[in-house]
Amino acid sequence: MSARKPWLLPVLLLAMAALALPLVGMMLARDSSALAPVRWIEVTGPFERITAEQVRTAVAPALRGGFFFLPLDEIRDRVSAMNWADRVEVRKRWPDTVEVRLSERRVLARLGRERLIDRDGRVFDADSHVPMGGIPRFEVSEQRVEDALALYELVRPGLESLGLELARLSLSERGGAALTTAEGLEIVIGRSAHQQRWARLVHGLPLLRLQQDGDPERIDLRYTNGFAVRWHDPNATAAPPGDA
């Protein structure tokens, strides 16, 4: 008769448990959505362009694994892919809630007619039905957005000190820069020496305003030691409209 092996039964039990663990894990993963379903998607944050319902719709397909197997990275990516989403935080709260906190992009300018530039210099698509009044338009190629932003930062303080508001900034492929203000003033800066030319305008225009009646209509900064001004004629009358 062979000797008994008291250690054999525990070893067999451990081996069976090791084999069963992957199967149990698969069953839990498959049934976790039923055992611990996500019932609430809580959306918070300062946002105006995105609605909470849009966020919930974007997130819903990622909730299939239930509370214990939530793919938080996928949820964050789905919300981040929305046009206006900027910073997104996602976490889960026991027992059945996903929390999504987001902030929207802050618009700096319109790029052409259909796209926008946020305050971090990123270009994104705009929803056509969203009104965007009161922001300047950049007429530049997407490859020159960085140059346009640098020019904007250069002229913005000067425009504010002159009581002017930027409506349009254009930058040609050769570097020719020009501005149009909301007041209708056209300012031609040219291709070079932007900083020096702009400084001359900011310091010189207030003095000219004291000596001249009316408002400037067009200013050309493309001169070595000064700039040319065409003044608006307050006595000029608009031409009658032609036949429609």
Protein backbone atom coordinates (compact mmCIF):
# COMPACT_ATOMS: atom_id res chain seq x y z
CA MET A 1 0.00 0.00 0.00
CA SER A 2 1.34 3.38 -0.96
CA ALA A 3 1.91 6.08 1.64
CA ARG A 4 -0.60 8.88 1.85
CA LYS A 5 0.37 12.32 0.59
CA PRO A 6 -1.41 14.86 2.83
CA TRP A 7 -0.08 17.80 0.81
CA LEU A 8 -1.65 16.64 -2.46
CA LEU A 9 -5.22 17.84 -1.78
CA PRO A 10 -4.26 21.47 -0.96
CA VAL A 11 -2.07 21.60 -4.05
CA LEU A 12 -4.89 20.34 -6.24
CA LEU A 13 -7.30 22.88 -4.73
CA LEU A 14 -4.86 25.73 -5.37
CA ALA A 15 -4.36 24.62 -8.96
CA MET A 16 -8.11 24.47 -9.54
CA ALA A 17 -8.53 27.95 -8.05
CA ALA A 18 -5.79 29.35 -10.28
CA LEU A 19 -7.49 27.90 -13.34
CA ALA A 20 -10.87 29.25 -12.26
CA LEU A 21 -9.78 32.83 -11.57
CA PRO A 22 -9.57 33.96 -15.23
CA LEU A 23 -12.99 32.45 -15.89
CA VAL A 24 -14.48 34.23 -12.89
CA GLY A 25 -12.88 37.48 -14.03
CA MET A 26 -14.38 37.12 -17.50
CA MET A 27 -17.81 36.43 -16.03
CA LEU A 28 -17.57 39.45 -13.74
CA ALA A 29 -16.47 41.69 -16.60
CA ARG A 30 -19.33 40.42 -18.74
CA ASP A 31 -21.96 40.85 -16.05
CA SER A 32 -20.60 43.88 -14.20
CA SER A 33 -22.87 46.25 -16.08
CA ALA A 34 -25.82 44.33 -14.69
CA LEU A 35 -24.36 43.84 -11.21
CA ALA A 36 -23.18 47.48 -10.80
CA PRO A 37 -24.71 49.63 -13.52
CA VAL A 38 -23.89 53.31 -13.92
CA ARG A 39 -27.15 55.19 -13.43
CA TRP A 40 -26.03 58.82 -13.38
CA ILE A 41 -23.68 61.00 -15.43
CA GLU A 42 -23.09 64.22 -13.51
CA VAL A 43 -21.79 67.08 -15.67
CA THR A 44 -20.42 70.22 -14.03
CA GLY A 45 -18.25 73.18 -14.94
CA PRO A 46 -18.43 76.65 -16.47
CA PHE A 47 -19.74 76.02 -19.98
CA GLU A 48 -22.15 77.79 -22.33
CA ARG A 49 -21.64 76.25 -25.78
CA ILE A 50 -21.77 72.61 -24.68
CA THR A 51 -24.87 71.14 -23.04
CA ALA A 52 -24.91 68.47 -20.35
CA GLU A 53 -27.08 66.33 -22.61
CA GLN A 54 -24.44 66.43 -25.36
CA VAL A 55 -21.83 65.24 -22.88
CA ARG A 56 -24.06 62.39 -21.68
CA THR A 57 -24.69 61.30 -25.26
CA ALA A 58 -20.96 61.26 -25.99
CA VAL A 59 -20.16 59.32 -22.81
CA ALA A 60 -22.96 56.72 -22.92
CA PRO A 61 -21.25 54.17 -25.25
CA ALA A 62 -18.31 53.91 -22.82
CA LEU A 63 -20.46 52.80 -19.86
CA ARG A 64 -20.89 49.21 -21.05
CA GLY A 65 -18.51 47.74 -18.46
CA GLY A 66 -20.44 48.90 -15.42
CA PHE A 67 -19.09 50.81 -12.45
CA PHE A 68 -16.13 48.54 -11.66
CA PHE A 69 -14.72 48.47 -15.19
CA LEU A 70 -15.32 52.05 -16.31
CA PRO A 71 -12.79 53.15 -18.99
CA LEU A 72 -12.13 56.61 -17.57
CA ASP A 73 -9.55 57.45 -20.25
CA GLU A 74 -12.02 56.63 -23.02
CA ILE A 75 -14.70 58.75 -21.37
CA ARG A 76 -12.29 61.67 -21.10
CA ASP A 77 -11.25 61.27 -24.74
CA ARG A 78 -14.88 61.23 -25.88
CA VAL A 79 -15.64 64.50 -24.10
CA SER A 80 -12.35 66.11 -25.17
CA ALA A 81 -13.22 65.38 -28.81
CA MET A 82 -16.19 67.78 -28.62
CA ASN A 83 -15.49 71.04 -30.46
CA TRP A 84 -15.74 73.40 -27.52
CA ALA A 85 -14.27 71.16 -24.81
CA ASP A 86 -11.01 72.37 -23.29
CA ARG A 87 -10.04 70.75 -19.98
CA VAL A 88 -11.85 67.58 -18.95
CA GLU A 89 -11.74 65.66 -15.66
CA VAL A 90 -13.51 62.33 -15.15
CA ARG A 91 -13.94 60.24 -12.02
CA LYS A 92 -16.43 57.73 -10.64
CA ARG A 93 -18.39 58.06 -7.42
CA TRP A 94 -19.76 55.08 -5.58
CA PRO A 95 -22.14 53.46 -6.12
CA ASP A 96 -23.43 54.40 -9.58
CA THR A 97 -22.24 57.82 -10.77
CA VAL A 98 -19.72 59.14 -13.29
CA GLU A 99 -18.61 62.72 -12.68
CA VAL A 100 -17.50 64.80 -15.67
CA ARG A 101 -16.12 68.26 -15.08
CA LEU A 102 -15.17 70.37 -18.06
CA SER A 103 -14.30 73.87 -19.10
CA GLU A 104 -14.84 75.37 -22.54
CA ARG A 105 -12.35 76.95 -24.88
CA ARG A 106 -12.15 80.73 -24.58
CA VAL A 107 -12.32 82.23 -28.04
CA LEU A 108 -9.76 84.84 -29.04
CA ALA A 109 -10.53 85.33 -32.74
CA ARG A 110 -12.29 83.95 -35.76
CA LEU A 111 -10.08 82.40 -38.43
CA GLY A 112 -11.66 83.24 -41.76
CA ARG A 113 -15.39 82.51 -41.70
CA GLU A 114 -15.73 78.99 -40.34
CA ARG A 115 -13.00 78.35 -37.77
CA LEU A 116 -11.99 79.79 -34.41
CA ILE A 117 -8.79 80.37 -32.47
CA ASP A 118 -8.83 79.92 -28.70
CA ARG A 119 -6.71 81.83 -26.19
CA ASP A 120 -4.09 79.08 -26.24
CA GLY A 121 -3.63 79.58 -29.98
CA ARG A 122 -5.38 76.35 -30.99
CA VAL A 123 -7.55 76.31 -34.10
CA PHE A 124 -10.86 74.45 -33.99
CA ASP A 125 -14.08 74.18 -35.95
CA ALA A 126 -17.01 76.39 -35.02
CA ASP A 127 -20.63 75.38 -35.06
CA SER A 128 -22.19 77.43 -37.84
CA HIS A 129 -25.25 78.35 -35.77
CA VAL A 130 -23.26 79.82 -32.87
CA PRO A 131 -23.17 83.65 -32.96
CA MET A 132 -19.67 85.01 -32.43
CA GLY A 133 -20.06 88.77 -32.52
CA GLY A 134 -17.55 91.05 -30.87
CA ILE A 135 -14.40 89.06 -31.61
CA PRO A 136 -11.84 90.02 -34.27
CA ARG A 137 -11.39 88.09 -37.49
CA PHE A 138 -7.95 86.92 -38.55
CA GLU A 139 -7.53 86.76 -42.32
CA VAL A 140 -4.45 84.53 -42.40
CA SER A 141 -3.57 81.02 -43.48
CA GLU A 142 -3.55 78.40 -40.74
CA GLN A 143 0.22 78.13 -41.15
CA ARG A 144 0.57 81.78 -40.11
CA VAL A 145 -1.72 81.73 -37.08
CA GLU A 146 1.26 81.91 -34.71
CA ASP A 147 2.56 85.02 -36.48
CA ALA A 148 -0.90 86.58 -36.38
CA LEU A 149 -1.14 85.93 -32.63
CA ALA A 150 2.22 87.61 -32.08
CA LEU A 151 1.05 90.64 -34.07
CA TYR A 152 -2.20 90.72 -32.12
CA GLU A 153 -0.33 90.77 -28.81
CA LEU A 154 1.81 93.61 -30.16
CA VAL A 155 -1.06 95.88 -31.24
CA ARG A 156 -3.67 95.09 -28.58
CA PRO A 157 -2.36 97.37 -25.78
CA GLY A 158 -1.87 100.25 -28.23
CA LEU A 159 -5.38 99.91 -29.63
CA GLU A 160 -6.80 99.99 -26.12
CA SER A 161 -4.82 103.12 -25.24
CA LEU A 162 -6.11 104.80 -28.43
CA GLY A 163 -9.69 103.84 -27.65
CA LEU A 164 -9.94 101.53 -30.65
CA GLU A 165 -11.27 98.00 -31.01
CA LEU A 166 -9.80 95.49 -33.44
CA ALA A 167 -12.25 94.08 -35.99
CA ARG A 168 -9.95 92.49 -38.56
CA LEU A 169 -6.29 91.51 -38.76
CA SER A 170 -4.76 90.36 -42.03
CA LEU A 171 -1.33 88.92 -42.69
CA SER A 172 -0.26 88.00 -46.19
CA GLU A 173 2.03 85.10 -47.04
CA ARG A 174 4.81 87.64 -47.61
CA GLY A 175 4.27 89.18 -44.17
CA GLY A 176 2.30 92.28 -45.11
CA ALA A 177 0.20 93.24 -42.09
CA ALA A 178 -2.92 95.40 -41.91
CA LEU A 179 -5.67 96.09 -39.39
CA THR A 180 -9.22 97.35 -39.51
CA THR A 181 -10.87 98.62 -36.35
CA ALA A 182 -14.50 98.42 -35.35
CA GLU A 183 -14.61 102.19 -35.83
CA GLY A 184 -13.74 101.79 -39.51
CA LEU A 185 -10.08 102.87 -39.35
CA GLU A 186 -7.72 101.03 -41.70
CA ILE A 187 -4.10 100.73 -40.55
CA VAL A 188 -1.46 99.43 -42.96
CA ILE A 189 1.64 98.21 -41.08
CA GLY A 190 3.57 96.56 -43.90
CA ARG A 191 6.01 93.67 -43.99
CA SER A 192 8.81 94.74 -41.67
CA ALA A 193 9.66 96.67 -38.49
CA HIS A 194 6.21 96.04 -37.04
CA GLN A 195 7.20 96.96 -33.50
CA GLN A 196 8.92 100.24 -34.40
CA ARG A 197 6.18 101.34 -36.77
CA TRP A 198 3.46 100.53 -34.28
CA ALA A 199 5.23 102.42 -31.50
CA ARG A 200 5.37 105.54 -33.71
CA LEU A 201 1.64 105.35 -34.27
CA VAL A 202 0.75 104.87 -30.60
CA HIS A 203 2.85 107.85 -29.57
CA GLY A 204 2.08 110.11 -32.53
CA LEU A 205 -1.64 109.69 -33.18
CA PRO A 206 -2.86 111.34 -29.94
CA LEU A 207 -0.86 114.47 -30.82
CA LEU A 208 -2.32 114.58 -34.33
CA ARG A 209 -5.82 114.22 -32.95
CA LEU A 210 -5.30 117.40 -30.93
CA GLN A 211 -4.37 119.31 -34.09
CA GLN A 212 -6.92 117.88 -36.49
CA ASP A 213 -10.69 117.91 -36.56
CA GLY A 214 -12.37 114.65 -37.40
CA ASP A 215 -11.21 111.06 -37.19
CA PRO A 216 -8.54 109.28 -39.20
CA GLU A 217 -9.84 107.05 -41.98
CA ARG A 218 -6.63 105.36 -43.13
CA ILE A 219 -3.12 105.29 -41.69
CA ASP A 220 -0.10 103.99 -43.60
CA LEU A 221 2.89 103.14 -41.41
CA ARG A 222 5.20 102.10 -44.26
CA TYR A 223 7.50 105.09 -43.92
CA THR A 224 10.99 105.36 -42.48
CA ASN A 225 10.42 108.20 -40.03
CA GLY A 226 6.68 108.67 -39.78
CA PHE A 227 3.31 107.70 -41.18
CA ALA A 228 0.67 109.06 -43.54
CA VAL A 229 -2.87 109.79 -42.43
CA ARG A 230 -6.01 110.27 -44.47
CA TRP A 231 -8.65 112.00 -42.40
CA HIS A 232 -12.34 111.42 -42.62
CA ASP A 233 -14.15 114.38 -44.16
CA PRO A 234 -17.15 115.16 -41.93
CA ASN A 235 -18.67 117.27 -44.73
CA ALA A 236 -18.57 114.49 -47.29
CA THR A 237 -21.94 113.03 -48.17
CA ALA A 238 -22.48 109.44 -49.07
CA ALA A 239 -23.24 108.68 -52.69
CA PRO A 240 -26.87 107.74 -53.35
CA PRO A 241 -27.40 103.99 -53.68
CA GLY A 242 -27.69 102.57 -57.16
CA ASP A 243 -30.64 100.66 -58.49
CA ALA A 244 -31.11 97.31 -56.77
